[in-house]
Protein backbone atom coordinates (compact mmCIF):
# COMPACT_ATOMS: atom_id res chain seq x y z
CA MET A 1 -15.04 -1.52 1.51
CA LYS A 2 -14.39 -0.60 5.10
CA LEU A 3 -11.07 1.36 6.51
CA ALA A 4 -9.91 1.80 10.04
CA ALA A 5 -7.54 4.27 12.05
CA VAL A 6 -6.39 2.98 15.23
CA GLN A 7 -5.52 5.34 17.68
CA MET A 8 -3.00 4.83 20.37
CA ILE A 9 -1.37 6.43 23.32
CA SER A 10 2.33 4.91 23.09
CA GLY A 11 4.44 4.29 25.88
CA PRO A 12 8.48 3.97 25.36
CA ASP A 13 8.46 0.43 25.47
CA VAL A 14 8.22 -1.74 22.28
CA ALA A 15 6.32 -5.10 23.84
CA PRO A 16 2.90 -3.38 25.51
CA ASN A 17 2.59 -1.29 22.72
CA LEU A 18 2.60 -4.20 20.18
CA ALA A 19 0.31 -5.96 22.43
CA THR A 20 -2.30 -2.78 22.31
CA ALA A 21 -1.63 -2.38 18.63
CA GLY A 22 -2.78 -6.38 18.24
CA ARG A 23 -5.74 -5.87 20.41
CA LEU A 24 -7.10 -2.71 18.27
CA ILE A 25 -6.27 -4.49 14.73
CA ALA A 26 -8.46 -7.41 15.95
CA GLU A 27 -11.21 -5.14 17.02
CA ALA A 28 -11.14 -3.35 13.64
CA ALA A 29 -11.01 -6.63 12.02
CA ALA A 30 -13.85 -7.89 14.17
CA ALA A 31 -15.88 -4.77 12.55
CA GLY A 32 -15.30 -5.65 8.98
CA ALA A 33 -12.36 -3.72 8.13
CA GLN A 34 -10.15 -4.35 5.17
CA LEU A 35 -7.51 -1.79 5.75
CA VAL A 36 -6.21 -1.25 8.81
CA ALA A 37 -3.52 1.98 9.91
CA LEU A 38 -1.69 2.36 13.06
CA PRO A 39 -0.29 5.66 14.09
CA GLU A 40 3.24 7.15 13.46
CA TYR A 41 5.61 5.51 16.28
CA PHE A 42 3.39 3.39 17.12
CA PRO A 43 5.78 0.78 19.08
CA LEU A 44 7.41 3.44 21.12
CA ILE A 45 6.80 7.23 21.59
CA GLY A 46 8.10 9.36 24.53
CA ALA A 47 11.31 7.54 24.59
CA THR A 48 14.83 9.21 24.63
CA ASP A 49 16.72 9.85 21.44
CA ALA A 50 19.05 6.64 22.31
CA ASP A 51 16.06 4.29 23.09
CA ARG A 52 14.61 5.08 19.48
CA LEU A 53 17.95 4.74 17.92
CA ALA A 54 18.21 1.23 20.07
CA ALA A 55 14.88 0.29 18.77
CA ARG A 56 16.08 0.22 15.15
CA GLU A 57 15.36 -2.64 12.69
CA VAL A 58 17.09 -3.66 9.82
CA ASP A 59 15.00 -3.42 6.95
CA GLY A 60 13.29 -6.95 6.56
CA ALA A 61 13.87 -8.44 10.22
CA GLY A 62 13.17 -7.52 13.41
CA PRO A 63 10.49 -7.91 16.09
CA ILE A 64 8.22 -5.04 15.08
CA GLN A 65 8.06 -6.21 11.01
CA ASP A 66 7.81 -9.52 11.84
CA PHE A 67 4.51 -8.49 13.84
CA LEU A 68 3.34 -6.26 11.45
CA ALA A 69 3.34 -9.34 8.78
CA ALA A 70 1.94 -11.90 10.88
CA THR A 71 -0.52 -9.64 12.01
CA ALA A 72 -1.86 -8.76 8.77
CA THR A 73 -1.79 -12.90 8.24
CA LYS A 74 -3.73 -13.28 10.86
CA HIS A 75 -6.65 -10.87 10.11
CA GLY A 76 -6.44 -11.02 6.19
CA LEU A 77 -6.41 -7.28 5.85
CA TRP A 78 -4.07 -4.71 4.41
CA LEU A 79 -2.41 -3.24 7.26
CA VAL A 80 -0.54 0.22 7.09
CA GLY A 81 2.07 0.01 9.90
CA GLY A 82 2.08 3.54 10.83
CA SER A 83 5.57 4.13 11.28
CA ILE A 84 8.46 2.11 13.23
CA PRO A 85 12.21 3.39 13.52
CA LEU A 86 14.48 1.55 10.92
CA MET A 87 18.19 2.00 10.38
CA ALA A 88 19.65 4.85 8.30
CA GLU A 89 22.24 5.29 6.20
CA ASP A 90 23.88 7.64 8.88
CA PRO A 91 24.93 5.23 11.63
CA ALA A 92 23.69 8.09 13.65
CA LYS A 93 20.45 8.57 12.96
CA LEU A 94 17.14 6.11 12.05
CA ARG A 95 14.62 6.51 8.97
CA ASN A 96 10.91 7.08 10.47
CA SER A 97 9.33 4.28 7.97
CA CYS A 98 5.97 3.54 7.00
CA LEU A 99 5.46 -0.41 5.78
CA VAL A 100 2.73 -1.67 3.90
CA PHE A 101 1.49 -5.58 4.25
CA ASP A 102 -1.05 -7.26 2.42
CA PRO A 103 -3.54 -9.91 3.65
CA GLN A 104 -1.24 -12.58 2.90
CA GLY A 105 1.72 -10.88 5.26
CA LYS A 106 3.87 -9.50 2.38
CA ARG A 107 5.25 -6.54 2.46
CA VAL A 108 4.00 -4.64 -0.70
CA THR A 109 5.84 -1.17 -0.16
CA ARG A 110 7.82 0.89 2.32
CA TYR A 111 7.62 4.95 2.91
CA ASP A 112 10.22 7.08 4.70
CA LYS A 113 9.13 10.46 5.87
CA ILE A 114 10.41 13.39 3.78
CA HIS A 115 9.42 16.16 5.73
CA LEU A 116 10.89 16.42 9.23
CA PHE A 117 9.12 18.70 12.08
CA GLY A 118 10.74 21.32 13.47
CA PHE A 119 9.13 23.34 16.15
CA ASN A 120 10.21 25.73 18.67
CA LYS A 121 8.20 27.94 20.93
CA GLY A 122 9.53 28.39 24.30
CA ASP A 123 9.09 25.66 26.63
CA GLU A 124 8.01 23.19 23.44
CA ALA A 125 10.27 22.68 20.89
CA TYR A 126 11.18 19.52 18.41
CA ASP A 127 13.89 19.08 15.80
CA GLU A 128 13.56 15.94 14.01
CA ALA A 129 16.01 16.45 11.35
CA ALA A 130 18.77 15.87 14.63
CA THR A 131 18.02 12.21 14.83
CA ILE A 132 15.92 11.31 11.58
CA GLU A 133 16.96 11.02 8.20
CA ARG A 134 14.51 12.04 6.13
CA GLY A 135 13.09 9.97 2.69
CA ASP A 136 13.32 11.09 -1.01
CA GLN A 137 10.58 9.05 -2.48
CA VAL A 138 6.98 9.51 -3.20
CA VAL A 139 5.00 6.60 -2.48
CA ALA A 140 1.41 5.09 -3.88
CA PHE A 141 0.40 1.69 -4.14
CA ASP A 142 -2.59 -0.42 -5.70
CA SER A 143 -4.48 -2.56 -3.67
CA PRO A 144 -8.27 -3.77 -3.76
CA LEU A 145 -9.47 -0.45 -2.30
CA GLY A 146 -8.02 1.54 -5.02
CA ARG A 147 -4.95 3.72 -5.34
CA VAL A 148 -3.50 4.23 -2.52
CA GLY A 149 -0.61 7.05 -1.11
CA LEU A 150 1.23 7.51 1.71
CA ALA A 151 2.59 10.10 4.08
CA ILE A 152 3.83 10.79 7.83
CA CYS A 153 2.37 13.42 10.08
CA TYR A 154 4.47 17.07 8.93
CA ASP A 155 4.05 15.77 5.32
CA LEU A 156 0.89 16.85 5.79
CA ARG A 157 1.39 20.54 5.29
CA PHE A 158 3.11 20.15 2.02
CA PRO A 159 0.70 19.50 -0.43
CA GLU A 160 3.13 19.39 -3.31
CA LEU A 161 3.59 15.84 -1.97
CA PHE A 162 -0.15 14.73 -2.16
CA ARG A 163 -0.24 16.25 -5.90
CA ALA A 164 2.88 14.28 -7.03
CA MET A 165 0.48 11.16 -6.07
CA ALA A 166 -2.42 12.49 -7.65
CA GLN A 167 -1.19 12.51 -11.56
CA LEU A 168 -3.97 11.47 -14.14
CA PRO A 169 -4.62 8.69 -15.51
CA ASN A 170 -4.11 7.18 -12.13
CA PRO A 171 -5.03 9.17 -9.31
CA VAL A 172 -5.11 8.29 -5.31
CA ASP A 173 -8.20 7.01 -3.83
CA LEU A 174 -7.12 6.89 -0.73
CA LEU A 175 -4.29 8.77 1.47
CA VAL A 176 -3.03 7.32 4.51
CA LEU A 177 -1.49 9.28 7.30
CA PRO A 178 -0.45 8.04 10.45
CA ALA A 179 0.53 11.01 12.58
CA ALA A 180 1.66 12.04 16.31
CA PHE A 181 0.55 15.41 16.13
CA THR A 182 1.37 17.82 19.17
CA GLU A 183 -1.75 19.22 20.93
CA THR A 184 -0.65 22.71 20.06
CA THR A 185 -0.12 22.51 16.26
CA GLY A 186 -2.83 19.49 16.00
CA ARG A 187 -5.54 21.85 17.71
CA ALA A 188 -4.80 24.77 15.45
CA HIS A 189 -4.61 22.91 11.93
CA TRP A 190 -4.68 19.26 11.97
CA GLU A 191 -8.48 18.71 10.88
CA MET A 192 -8.37 21.96 8.10
CA LEU A 193 -5.14 20.24 6.55
CA LEU A 194 -6.71 16.83 6.48
CA ARG A 195 -9.77 18.18 4.84
CA ALA A 196 -7.87 20.19 2.47
CA ARG A 197 -6.22 17.28 1.31
CA ALA A 198 -9.18 15.30 0.40
CA VAL A 199 -10.96 18.05 -1.02
CA GLU A 200 -8.30 19.34 -3.69
CA ASN A 201 -6.98 15.60 -4.71
CA GLN A 202 -10.59 14.30 -4.50
CA CYS A 203 -9.84 11.14 -2.48
CA TYR A 204 -10.41 9.68 0.89
CA VAL A 205 -8.26 10.76 3.71
CA LEU A 206 -7.68 7.98 6.62
CA ALA A 207 -5.58 9.89 9.62
CA ALA A 208 -4.51 7.19 12.29
CA ALA A 209 -3.34 9.18 15.27
CA GLN A 210 -1.40 9.02 18.49
CA GLY A 211 -3.75 10.72 20.82
CA GLY A 212 -3.31 11.62 24.80
CA GLN A 213 -0.86 11.79 27.33
CA HIS A 214 2.13 9.58 27.17
CA PRO A 215 4.18 8.48 29.93
CA ASN A 216 6.85 11.52 29.51
CA GLY A 217 4.07 14.02 29.71
CA ARG A 218 3.93 15.02 26.23
CA ILE A 219 0.31 15.41 24.91
CA THR A 220 -0.68 14.22 21.21
CA HIS A 221 -4.12 15.57 19.40
CA GLY A 222 -5.53 12.54 18.54
CA ASN A 223 -8.44 13.12 16.56
CA SER A 224 -8.04 10.06 14.44
CA MET A 225 -10.64 10.49 11.48
CA VAL A 226 -11.85 9.33 7.77
CA ILE A 227 -12.85 12.05 5.44
CA ASP A 228 -14.34 11.59 2.14
CA PRO A 229 -13.69 13.05 -1.10
CA TRP A 230 -15.95 16.16 -0.67
CA GLY A 231 -13.91 16.95 2.68
CA GLU A 232 -16.77 15.47 5.22
CA VAL A 233 -15.73 13.89 8.42
CA LEU A 234 -17.33 10.53 8.33
CA ALA A 235 -15.76 9.29 11.78
CA ARG A 236 -13.38 10.48 14.28
CA MET A 237 -12.62 10.03 17.81
CA ASP A 238 -11.05 12.90 19.90
CA LYS A 239 -8.37 11.40 22.68
CA GLY A 240 -7.65 7.81 23.86
CA GLU A 241 -7.44 4.39 22.58
CA GLY A 242 -9.38 2.84 19.93
CA VAL A 243 -10.72 2.60 16.36
CA VAL A 244 -12.39 4.56 14.09
CA ILE A 245 -14.17 2.63 11.50
CA ALA A 246 -16.25 4.36 7.95
CA GLU A 247 -16.79 2.98 4.48
CA LEU A 248 -15.17 3.68 1.32
CA ASN A 249 -17.60 4.43 -1.10
CA ARG A 250 -16.16 3.89 -4.76
CA GLN A 251 -19.17 5.59 -6.26
CA ARG A 252 -18.63 8.80 -3.98
CA LEU A 253 -15.69 9.11 -5.69
CA VAL A 254 -16.66 8.95 -9.14
CA ASP A 255 -19.35 11.12 -8.74
CA THR A 256 -17.42 13.79 -6.88
CA ARG A 257 -14.86 13.55 -9.65
CA ALA A 258 -17.55 13.54 -12.67
CA SER A 259 -19.61 16.51 -10.91
CA LEU A 260 -16.38 18.77 -10.16
CA PRO A 261 -13.52 17.38 -12.64
CA ALA A 262 -10.76 19.51 -11.07
CA LEU A 263 -8.03 16.50 -11.23
CA LYS A 264 -8.38 17.50 -14.89
CA HIS A 265 -8.82 21.11 -15.01
CA ARG A 266 -5.41 21.40 -13.38
CA ILE A 267 -2.78 23.72 -15.23
CA LEU A 268 0.28 23.66 -12.99
């Protein structure tokens, strides 16, 4: 069963970003991918706060959601729609939401980013809580590829979120993480955190990232990758637009968990 991570360098305008996403999803489908993940904020990045708020959609309706449903149907695959801006309870904020569609274009689940990025290092600073309303629900869903858990970007730093998904007797087989890691934090921590999440939860990790210099000058780390339950990186892309593809081998899951039954050894 093939997995694909789409890597993009999204700009501030929705239409060209959707066109790019469509082209790269088609490439992944042609290579045989059965589940494809887009990066965080694939429809727009580098926009002003006002632009992001203006692009919000009502849950269940809007051109970005229509695109995701139609594209999943067109290619007959599971599509993890990176993240998109949806309306929040606070009218001055948005929800950073990941929507999943099945091969018939039916929405299966929604995850709202729980942990909001804050970073201040002189001339580089971010405060997601100023414009984003955080979610509060841990989300995993069942698919033909196994049980799939969802997280977004900064969530990666909080292992307790992933432990909450990995409860026996139904641990997750795959973690999907759309992201737009900064170059500064990504260069330091991205790969080690992804591999740690794969090893400690004995599952595959599919990380789909923004990767390159955006029109506003921001540089995202990229390095979209697929990691197996032993922590081995099966495929990756450094910077630029493209598709990263690898296979999810169910026997690899079974063998890893049988030889080192760490999930069963958990005390806390």
